[in-house]
Structures are given as C-alpha cells and as structure tokens.
Amino acid sequence: MTQVGAEQARKELAELLRRVGYAKERVVISVHGKDLAALVSMEDLLALESLEDILDTLEAERALARIQSGDEPTLSLDQVDEMIGHAS
C-alpha cells in the first residue's frame, strides 16, 4: 500500500489512478499527516460493498431472531405514530 500527501496525490493523480486501476495498488491519501482517504480499484470497492451487504444481512437476521424470541421489545405502528405525534 502506498501513502501520499494530498498535494502529491493532486500532482500525480493520473499516475496513481493507473497504478490503482491496473496494478490493483491501494493508495492512502493523507492531509497534514492524517490518513484521510484511499484510492482503491473498482474490484476492491465492489468487494467492500458486497461485504457490507453481507454484514447488513447478518445484522438484520440477528435483530429478527431477537424479536422473534421475545428478547427485543417491539412497538406497533400505531404506538410509533403516537410517540411521534402522528396519532389520528
């Protein structure tokens, strides 16, 4: 993984994009010594988004299991409407 400052990244953007896109290199960009962002290939981005989807699905399944087991309190839509002031 390569680390560059923001000014260097600005000057070398085309080269960095080639390295990321074709060589699958990851580039971390820092501002004032603090890592702020990263350039990653589309392949890496799609993999990250896929992983996020899997984690979201697992969390939803765990929440549903807690609700179905009675371990998680639930509210009806009417109760929620009443709480936020939309009761009819």
PDB file of N, CA and C in Angstrom:
ATOM      1  N   MET A   1       0.864  -1.175   0.000  1.00  0.00           N
ATOM      2  CA  MET A   1       0.000   0.000   0.000  1.00  0.00           C
ATOM      3  C   MET A   1       0.904   1.229   0.000  1.00  0.00           C
ATOM      4  N   THR A   2       0.531   2.182  -0.814  1.00  0.00           N
ATOM      5  CA  THR A   2       1.280   3.426  -0.953  1.00  0.00           C
ATOM      6  C   THR A   2       0.598   4.524  -0.158  1.00  0.00           C
ATOM      7  N   GLN A   3       1.381   5.389   0.457  1.00  0.00           N
ATOM      8  CA  GLN A   3       0.830   6.541   1.165  1.00  0.00           C
ATOM      9  C   GLN A   3       1.399   7.798   0.543  1.00  0.00           C
ATOM     10  N   VAL A   4       0.517   8.751   0.249  1.00  0.00           N
ATOM     11  CA  VAL A   4       0.945  10.027  -0.322  1.00  0.00           C
ATOM     12  C   VAL A   4       0.170  11.156   0.331  1.00  0.00           C
ATOM     13  N   GLY A   5       0.786  12.326   0.317  1.00  0.00           N
ATOM     14  CA  GLY A   5       0.099  13.514   0.796  1.00  0.00           C
ATOM     15  C   GLY A   5      -0.877  14.002  -0.266  1.00  0.00           C
ATOM     16  N   ALA A   6      -1.823  14.810   0.138  1.00  0.00           N
ATOM     17  CA  ALA A   6      -2.860  15.294  -0.771  1.00  0.00           C
ATOM     18  C   ALA A   6      -2.259  16.096  -1.925  1.00  0.00           C
ATOM     19  N   GLU A   7      -1.263  16.921  -1.650  1.00  0.00           N
ATOM     20  CA  GLU A   7      -0.646  17.724  -2.704  1.00  0.00           C
ATOM     21  C   GLU A   7       0.041  16.833  -3.734  1.00  0.00           C
ATOM     22  N   GLN A   8       0.765  15.827  -3.251  1.00  0.00           N
ATOM     23  CA  GLN A   8       1.409  14.883  -4.167  1.00  0.00           C
ATOM     24  C   GLN A   8       0.364  14.108  -4.964  1.00  0.00           C
ATOM     25  N   ALA A   9      -0.719  13.703  -4.304  1.00  0.00           N
ATOM     26  CA  ALA A   9      -1.786  12.968  -4.989  1.00  0.00           C
ATOM     27  C   ALA A   9      -2.402  13.827  -6.087  1.00  0.00           C
ATOM     28  N   ARG A  10      -2.583  15.113  -5.819  1.00  0.00           N
ATOM     29  CA  ARG A  10      -3.137  16.019  -6.829  1.00  0.00           C
ATOM     30  C   ARG A  10      -2.215  16.096  -8.043  1.00  0.00           C
ATOM     31  N   LYS A  11      -0.927  16.223  -7.794  1.00  0.00           N
ATOM     32  CA  LYS A  11       0.043  16.339  -8.882  1.00  0.00           C
ATOM     33  C   LYS A  11       0.170  15.046  -9.677  1.00  0.00           C
ATOM     34  N   GLU A  12       0.011  13.902  -9.007  1.00  0.00           N
ATOM     35  CA  GLU A  12       0.263  12.602  -9.638  1.00  0.00           C
ATOM     36  C   GLU A  12      -1.014  11.785  -9.830  1.00  0.00           C
ATOM     37  N   LEU A  13      -2.164  12.454  -9.869  1.00  0.00           N
ATOM     38  CA  LEU A  13      -3.435  11.733  -9.903  1.00  0.00           C
ATOM     39  C   LEU A  13      -3.526  10.742 -11.057  1.00  0.00           C
ATOM     40  N   ALA A  14      -3.158  11.142 -12.247  1.00  0.00           N
ATOM     41  CA  ALA A  14      -3.271  10.245 -13.399  1.00  0.00           C
ATOM     42  C   ALA A  14      -2.426   8.983 -13.177  1.00  0.00           C
ATOM     43  N   GLU A  15      -1.209   9.159 -12.694  1.00  0.00           N
ATOM     44  CA  GLU A  15      -0.334   8.001 -12.442  1.00  0.00           C
ATOM     45  C   GLU A  15      -0.893   7.122 -11.325  1.00  0.00           C
ATOM     46  N   LEU A  16      -1.378   7.742 -10.266  1.00  0.00           N
ATOM     47  CA  LEU A  16      -1.962   6.968  -9.164  1.00  0.00           C
ATOM     48  C   LEU A  16      -3.177   6.182  -9.642  1.00  0.00           C
ATOM     49  N   LEU A  17      -4.011   6.800 -10.460  1.00  0.00           N
ATOM     50  CA  LEU A  17      -5.181   6.093 -10.989  1.00  0.00           C
ATOM     51  C   LEU A  17      -4.771   4.892 -11.833  1.00  0.00           C
ATOM     52  N   ARG A  18      -3.723   5.045 -12.626  1.00  0.00           N
ATOM     53  CA  ARG A  18      -3.233   3.897 -13.406  1.00  0.00           C
ATOM     54  C   ARG A  18      -2.760   2.775 -12.486  1.00  0.00           C
ATOM     55  N   ARG A  19      -2.009   3.139 -11.460  1.00  0.00           N
ATOM     56  CA  ARG A  19      -1.495   2.119 -10.535  1.00  0.00           C
ATOM     57  C   ARG A  19      -2.629   1.412  -9.797  1.00  0.00           C
ATOM     58  N   VAL A  20      -3.634   2.184  -9.393  1.00  0.00           N
ATOM     59  CA  VAL A  20      -4.787   1.603  -8.694  1.00  0.00           C
ATOM     60  C   VAL A  20      -5.620   0.751  -9.647  1.00  0.00           C
ATOM     61  N   GLY A  21      -5.910   1.294 -10.808  1.00  0.00           N
ATOM     62  CA  GLY A  21      -6.799   0.612 -11.744  1.00  0.00           C
ATOM     63  C   GLY A  21      -6.199  -0.618 -12.386  1.00  0.00           C
ATOM     64  N   TYR A  22      -4.936  -0.554 -12.757  1.00  0.00           N
ATOM     65  CA  TYR A  22      -4.326  -1.660 -13.493  1.00  0.00           C
ATOM     66  C   TYR A  22      -3.475  -2.572 -12.626  1.00  0.00           C
ATOM     67  N   ALA A  23      -2.733  -2.007 -11.671  1.00  0.00           N
ATOM     68  CA  ALA A  23      -1.866  -2.820 -10.826  1.00  0.00           C
ATOM     69  C   ALA A  23      -2.548  -3.216  -9.519  1.00  0.00           C
ATOM     70  N   LYS A  24      -3.782  -2.751  -9.330  1.00  0.00           N
ATOM     71  CA  LYS A  24      -4.582  -3.055  -8.131  1.00  0.00           C
ATOM     72  C   LYS A  24      -3.889  -2.587  -6.848  1.00  0.00           C
ATOM     73  N   GLU A  25      -3.073  -1.545  -6.978  1.00  0.00           N
ATOM     74  CA  GLU A  25      -2.407  -0.961  -5.817  1.00  0.00           C
ATOM     75  C   GLU A  25      -3.421  -0.130  -5.041  1.00  0.00           C
ATOM     76  N   ARG A  26      -3.269  -0.068  -3.747  1.00  0.00           N
ATOM     77  CA  ARG A  26      -4.117   0.787  -2.903  1.00  0.00           C
ATOM     78  C   ARG A  26      -3.292   1.984  -2.464  1.00  0.00           C
ATOM     79  N   VAL A  27      -3.895   3.156  -2.520  1.00  0.00           N
ATOM     80  CA  VAL A  27      -3.180   4.382  -2.197  1.00  0.00           C
ATOM     81  C   VAL A  27      -3.938   5.114  -1.100  1.00  0.00           C
ATOM     82  N   VAL A  28      -3.253   5.393  -0.013  1.00  0.00           N
ATOM     83  CA  VAL A  28      -3.831   6.160   1.095  1.00  0.00           C
ATOM     84  C   VAL A  28      -3.370   7.599   0.946  1.00  0.00           C
ATOM     85  N   ILE A  29      -4.321   8.516   1.037  1.00  0.00           N
ATOM     86  CA  ILE A  29      -4.020   9.936   0.905  1.00  0.00           C
ATOM     87  C   ILE A  29      -4.150  10.600   2.269  1.00  0.00           C
ATOM     88  N   SER A  30      -3.120  11.343   2.638  1.00  0.00           N
ATOM     89  CA  SER A  30      -3.129  11.997   3.949  1.00  0.00           C
ATOM     90  C   SER A  30      -3.132  13.511   3.790  1.00  0.00           C
ATOM     91  N   VAL A  31      -3.699  14.149   4.788  1.00  0.00           N
ATOM     92  CA  VAL A  31      -3.716  15.608   4.860  1.00  0.00           C
ATOM     93  C   VAL A  31      -3.153  15.990   6.218  1.00  0.00           C
ATOM     94  N   HIS A  32      -2.114  16.794   6.211  1.00  0.00           N
ATOM     95  CA  HIS A  32      -1.441  17.202   7.448  1.00  0.00           C
ATOM     96  C   HIS A  32      -1.045  15.981   8.289  1.00  0.00           C
ATOM     97  N   GLY A  33      -0.573  14.941   7.616  1.00  0.00           N
ATOM     98  CA  GLY A  33      -0.096  13.751   8.311  1.00  0.00           C
ATOM     99  C   GLY A  33      -1.178  12.786   8.767  1.00  0.00           C
ATOM    100  N   LYS A  34      -2.427  13.108   8.506  1.00  0.00           N
ATOM    101  CA  LYS A  34      -3.531  12.243   8.928  1.00  0.00           C
ATOM    102  C   LYS A  34      -4.119  11.541   7.710  1.00  0.00           C
ATOM    103  N   ASP A  35      -4.191  10.195   7.762  1.00  0.00           N
ATOM    104  CA  ASP A  35      -4.794   9.437   6.675  1.00  0.00           C
ATOM    105  C   ASP A  35      -6.260   9.830   6.557  1.00  0.00           C
ATOM    106  N   LEU A  36      -6.654  10.259   5.346  1.00  0.00           N
ATOM    107  CA  LEU A  36      -7.982  10.821   5.177  1.00  0.00           C
ATOM    108  C   LEU A  36      -8.840  10.046   4.192  1.00  0.00           C
ATOM    109  N   ALA A  37      -8.219   9.498   3.166  1.00  0.00           N
ATOM    110  CA  ALA A  37      -8.985   8.818   2.115  1.00  0.00           C
ATOM    111  C   ALA A  37      -8.090   7.784   1.451  1.00  0.00           C
ATOM    112  N   ALA A  38      -8.719   6.975   0.587  1.00  0.00           N
ATOM    113  CA  ALA A  38      -7.947   5.970  -0.134  1.00  0.00           C
ATOM    114  C   ALA A  38      -8.467   5.835  -1.556  1.00  0.00           C
ATOM    115  N   LEU A  39      -7.553   5.552  -2.458  1.00  0.00           N
ATOM    116  CA  LEU A  39      -7.914   5.182  -3.820  1.00  0.00           C
ATOM    117  C   LEU A  39      -7.816   3.672  -3.902  1.00  0.00           C
ATOM    118  N   VAL A  40      -8.885   3.047  -4.345  1.00  0.00           N
ATOM    119  CA  VAL A  40      -8.899   1.593  -4.497  1.00  0.00           C
ATOM    120  C   VAL A  40      -9.491   1.251  -5.856  1.00  0.00           C
ATOM    121  N   SER A  41      -9.178   0.072  -6.348  1.00  0.00           N
ATOM    122  CA  SER A  41      -9.714  -0.362  -7.632  1.00  0.00           C
ATOM    123  C   SER A  41     -11.215  -0.585  -7.516  1.00  0.00           C
ATOM    124  N   MET A  42     -11.886  -0.588  -8.652  1.00  0.00           N
ATOM    125  CA  MET A  42     -13.317  -0.885  -8.672  1.00  0.00           C
ATOM    126  C   MET A  42     -13.567  -2.284  -8.120  1.00  0.00           C
ATOM    127  N   GLU A  43     -12.659  -3.202  -8.405  1.00  0.00           N
ATOM    128  CA  GLU A  43     -12.780  -4.566  -7.880  1.00  0.00           C
ATOM    129  C   GLU A  43     -12.804  -4.554  -6.349  1.00  0.00           C
ATOM    130  N   ASP A  44     -11.893  -3.779  -5.748  1.00  0.00           N
ATOM    131  CA  ASP A  44     -11.868  -3.674  -4.287  1.00  0.00           C
ATOM    132  C   ASP A  44     -13.126  -3.006  -3.753  1.00  0.00           C
ATOM    133  N   LEU A  45     -13.585  -1.961  -4.426  1.00  0.00           N
ATOM    134  CA  LEU A  45     -14.799  -1.260  -3.986  1.00  0.00           C
ATOM    135  C   LEU A  45     -16.005  -2.186  -4.029  1.00  0.00           C
ATOM    136  N   LEU A  46     -16.150  -2.929  -5.114  1.00  0.00           N
ATOM    137  CA  LEU A  46     -17.280  -3.857  -5.224  1.00  0.00           C
ATOM    138  C   LEU A  46     -17.208  -4.943  -4.156  1.00  0.00           C
ATOM    139  N   ALA A  47     -16.003  -5.417  -3.859  1.00  0.00           N
ATOM    140  CA  ALA A  47     -15.840  -6.418  -2.803  1.00  0.00           C
ATOM    141  C   ALA A  47     -16.222  -5.834  -1.449  1.00  0.00           C
ATOM    142  N   LEU A  48     -15.808  -4.609  -1.183  1.00  0.00           N
ATOM    143  CA  LEU A  48     -16.151  -3.944   0.078  1.00  0.00           C
ATOM    144  C   LEU A  48     -17.656  -3.754   0.198  1.00  0.00           C
ATOM    145  N   GLU A  49     -18.302  -3.316  -0.873  1.00  0.00           N
ATOM    146  CA  GLU A  49     -19.752  -3.130  -0.837  1.00  0.00           C
ATOM    147  C   GLU A  49     -20.482  -4.459  -0.652  1.00  0.00           C
ATOM    148  N   SER A  50     -19.954  -5.509  -1.253  1.00  0.00           N
ATOM    149  CA  SER A  50     -20.537  -6.841  -1.089  1.00  0.00           C
ATOM    150  C   SER A  50     -20.422  -7.290   0.370  1.00  0.00           C
ATOM    151  N   LEU A  51     -19.263  -7.056   0.950  1.00  0.00           N
ATOM    152  CA  LEU A  51     -19.056  -7.402   2.359  1.00  0.00           C
ATOM    153  C   LEU A  51     -19.997  -6.617   3.252  1.00  0.00           C
ATOM    154  N   GLU A  52     -20.186  -5.326   2.971  1.00  0.00           N
ATOM    155  CA  GLU A  52     -21.128  -4.518   3.752  1.00  0.00           C
ATOM    156  C   GLU A  52     -22.544  -5.080   3.646  1.00  0.00           C
ATOM    157  N   ASP A  53     -22.943  -5.504   2.442  1.00  0.00           N
ATOM    158  CA  ASP A  53     -24.275  -6.090   2.259  1.00  0.00           C
ATOM    159  C   ASP A  53     -24.431  -7.358   3.093  1.00  0.00           C
ATOM    160  N   ILE A  54     -23.407  -8.188   3.107  1.00  0.00           N
ATOM    161  CA  ILE A  54     -23.446  -9.429   3.894  1.00  0.00           C
ATOM    162  C   ILE A  54     -23.569  -9.109   5.378  1.00  0.00           C
ATOM    163  N   LEU A  55     -22.777  -8.151   5.856  1.00  0.00           N
ATOM    164  CA  LEU A  55     -22.833  -7.773   7.272  1.00  0.00           C
ATOM    165  C   LEU A  55     -24.193  -7.175   7.632  1.00  0.00           C
ATOM    166  N   ASP A  56     -24.753  -6.360   6.744  1.00  0.00           N
ATOM    167  CA  ASP A  56     -26.093  -5.795   6.982  1.00  0.00           C
ATOM    168  C   ASP A  56     -27.140  -6.902   7.071  1.00  0.00           C
ATOM    169  N   THR A  57     -27.040  -7.890   6.184  1.00  0.00           N
ATOM    170  CA  THR A  57     -27.988  -9.008   6.193  1.00  0.00           C
ATOM    171  C   THR A  57     -27.865  -9.807   7.482  1.00  0.00           C
ATOM    172  N   LEU A  58     -26.638 -10.071   7.911  1.00  0.00           N
ATOM    173  CA  LEU A  58     -26.435 -10.809   9.164  1.00  0.00           C
ATOM    174  C   LEU A  58     -27.003 -10.047  10.359  1.00  0.00           C
ATOM    175  N   GLU A  59     -26.793  -8.738  10.398  1.00  0.00           N
ATOM    176  CA  GLU A  59     -27.324  -7.931  11.500  1.00  0.00           C
ATOM    177  C   GLU A  59     -28.848  -7.936  11.482  1.00  0.00           C
ATOM    178  N   ALA A  60     -29.444  -7.842  10.305  1.00  0.00           N
ATOM    179  CA  ALA A  60     -30.908  -7.883  10.197  1.00  0.00           C
ATOM    180  C   ALA A  60     -31.442  -9.237  10.649  1.00  0.00           C
ATOM    181  N   GLU A  61     -30.747 -10.305  10.288  1.00  0.00           N
ATOM    182  CA  GLU A  61     -31.173 -11.646  10.716  1.00  0.00           C
ATOM    183  C   GLU A  61     -31.067 -11.793  12.228  1.00  0.00           C
ATOM    184  N   ARG A  62     -30.007 -11.242  12.817  1.00  0.00           N
ATOM    185  CA  ARG A  62     -29.869 -11.294  14.286  1.00  0.00           C
ATOM    186  C   ARG A  62     -30.966 -10.487  14.965  1.00  0.00           C
ATOM    187  N   ALA A  63     -31.273  -9.304  14.429  1.00  0.00           N
ATOM    188  CA  ALA A  63     -32.337  -8.469  15.008  1.00  0.00           C
ATOM    189  C   ALA A  63     -33.682  -9.175  14.903  1.00  0.00           C
ATOM    190  N   LEU A  64     -33.958  -9.793  13.771  1.00  0.00           N
ATOM    191  CA  LEU A  64     -35.210 -10.525  13.596  1.00  0.00           C
ATOM    192  C   LEU A  64     -35.301 -11.697  14.565  1.00  0.00           C
ATOM    193  N   ALA A  65     -34.188 -12.384  14.762  1.00  0.00           N
ATOM    194  CA  ALA A  65     -34.175 -13.509  15.702  1.00  0.00           C
ATOM    195  C   ALA A  65     -34.448 -13.026  17.129  1.00  0.00           C
ATOM    196  N   ARG A  66     -33.877 -11.853  17.493  1.00  0.00           N
ATOM    197  CA  ARG A  66     -34.132 -11.302  18.835  1.00  0.00           C
ATOM    198  C   ARG A  66     -35.603 -10.941  18.987  1.00  0.00           C
ATOM    199  N   ILE A  67     -36.197 -10.373  17.957  1.00  0.00           N
ATOM    200  CA  ILE A  67     -37.617 -10.009  18.008  1.00  0.00           C
ATOM    201  C   ILE A  67     -38.477 -11.257  18.121  1.00  0.00           C
ATOM    202  N   GLN A  68     -38.184 -12.252  17.298  1.00  0.00           N
ATOM    203  CA  GLN A  68     -38.981 -13.482  17.299  1.00  0.00           C
ATOM    204  C   GLN A  68     -38.847 -14.250  18.604  1.00  0.00           C
ATOM    205  N   SER A  69     -37.716 -14.124  19.276  1.00  0.00           N
ATOM    206  CA  SER A  69     -37.520 -14.834  20.542  1.00  0.00           C
ATOM    207  C   SER A  69     -38.125 -14.073  21.714  1.00  0.00           C
ATOM    208  N   GLY A  70     -38.530 -12.830  21.470  1.00  0.00           N
ATOM    209  CA  GLY A  70     -39.102 -12.022  22.543  1.00  0.00           C
ATOM    210  C   GLY A  70     -38.050 -11.273  23.339  1.00  0.00           C
ATOM    211  N   ASP A  71     -36.790 -11.373  22.942  1.00  0.00           N
ATOM    212  CA  ASP A  71     -35.703 -10.683  23.651  1.00  0.00           C
ATOM    213  C   ASP A  71     -35.611  -9.204  23.291  1.00  0.00           C
ATOM    214  N   GLU A  72     -36.286  -8.809  22.232  1.00  0.00           N
ATOM    215  CA  GLU A  72     -36.234  -7.430  21.755  1.00  0.00           C
ATOM    216  C   GLU A  72     -37.632  -6.841  21.852  1.00  0.00           C
ATOM    217  N   PRO A  73     -37.795  -5.722  22.562  1.00  0.00           N
ATOM    218  CA  PRO A  73     -39.124  -5.116  22.644  1.00  0.00           C
ATOM    219  C   PRO A  73     -39.548  -4.574  21.280  1.00  0.00           C
ATOM    220  N   THR A  74     -40.826  -4.640  21.010  1.00  0.00           N
ATOM    221  CA  THR A  74     -41.348  -4.146  19.735  1.00  0.00           C
ATOM    222  C   THR A  74     -42.487  -3.174  19.978  1.00  0.00           C
ATOM    223  N   LEU A  75     -42.747  -2.352  19.001  1.00  0.00           N
ATOM    224  CA  LEU A  75     -43.850  -1.399  19.038  1.00  0.00           C
ATOM    225  C   LEU A  75     -44.676  -1.571  17.776  1.00  0.00           C
ATOM    226  N   SER A  76     -45.962  -1.355  17.902  1.00  0.00           N
ATOM    227  CA  SER A  76     -46.819  -1.368  16.717  1.00  0.00           C
ATOM    228  C   SER A  76     -46.661  -0.033  15.997  1.00  0.00           C
ATOM    229  N   LEU A  77     -47.111   0.027  14.762  1.00  0.00           N
ATOM    230  CA  LEU A  77     -47.055   1.277  14.012  1.00  0.00           C
ATOM    231  C   LEU A  77     -47.892   2.352  14.700  1.00  0.00           C
ATOM    232  N   ASP A  78     -49.028   1.964  15.254  1.00  0.00           N
ATOM    233  CA  ASP A  78     -49.860   2.925  15.979  1.00  0.00           C
ATOM    234  C   ASP A  78     -49.116   3.505  17.178  1.00  0.00           C
ATOM    235  N   GLN A  79     -48.379   2.666  17.892  1.00  0.00           N
ATOM    236  CA  GLN A  79     -47.608   3.143  19.038  1.00  0.00           C
ATOM    237  C   GLN A  79     -46.513   4.121  18.599  1.00  0.00           C
ATOM    238  N   VAL A  80     -45.856   3.824  17.506  1.00  0.00           N
ATOM    239  CA  VAL A  80     -44.817   4.709  17.000  1.00  0.00           C
ATOM    240  C   VAL A  80     -45.440   6.042  16.567  1.00  0.00           C
ATOM    241  N   ASP A  81     -46.552   5.980  15.838  1.00  0.00           N
ATOM    242  CA  ASP A  81     -47.237   7.208  15.419  1.00  0.00           C
ATOM    243  C   ASP A  81     -47.613   8.055  16.632  1.00  0.00           C
ATOM    244  N   GLU A  82     -48.099   7.407  17.665  1.00  0.00           N
ATOM    245  CA  GLU A  82     -48.485   8.134  18.884  1.00  0.00           C
ATOM    246  C   GLU A  82     -47.258   8.780  19.527  1.00  0.00           C
ATOM    247  N   MET A  83     -46.142   8.075  19.558  1.00  0.00           N
ATOM    248  CA  MET A  83     -44.923   8.601  20.182  1.00  0.00           C
ATOM    249  C   MET A  83     -44.399   9.830  19.455  1.00  0.00           C
ATOM    250  N   ILE A  84     -44.542   9.854  18.136  1.00  0.00           N
ATOM    251  CA  ILE A  84     -44.001  10.987  17.381  1.00  0.00           C
ATOM    252  C   ILE A  84     -45.054  12.023  17.044  1.00  0.00           C
ATOM    253  N   GLY A  85     -46.238  11.834  17.581  1.00  0.00           N
ATOM    254  CA  GLY A  85     -47.270  12.854  17.440  1.00  0.00           C
ATOM    255  C   GLY A  85     -48.099  12.787  16.192  1.00  0.00           C
ATOM    256  N   HIS A  86     -48.158  11.623  15.560  1.00  0.00           N
ATOM    257  CA  HIS A  86     -48.967  11.487  14.350  1.00  0.00           C
ATOM    258  C   HIS A  86     -50.250  10.703  14.627  1.00  0.00           C
ATOM    259  N   ALA A  87     -50.623  10.583  15.882  1.00  0.00           N
ATOM    260  CA  ALA A  87     -51.822   9.813  16.218  1.00  0.00           C
ATOM    261  C   ALA A  87     -53.045  10.495  15.620  1.00  0.00           C
ATOM    262  N   SER A  88     -53.944   9.666  15.090  1.00  0.00           N
ATOM    263  CA  SER A  88     -55.147  10.233  14.476  1.00  0.00           C
ATOM    264  C   SER A  88     -56.281  10.297  15.455  1.00  0.00           C
TER     265      SER A  88
END
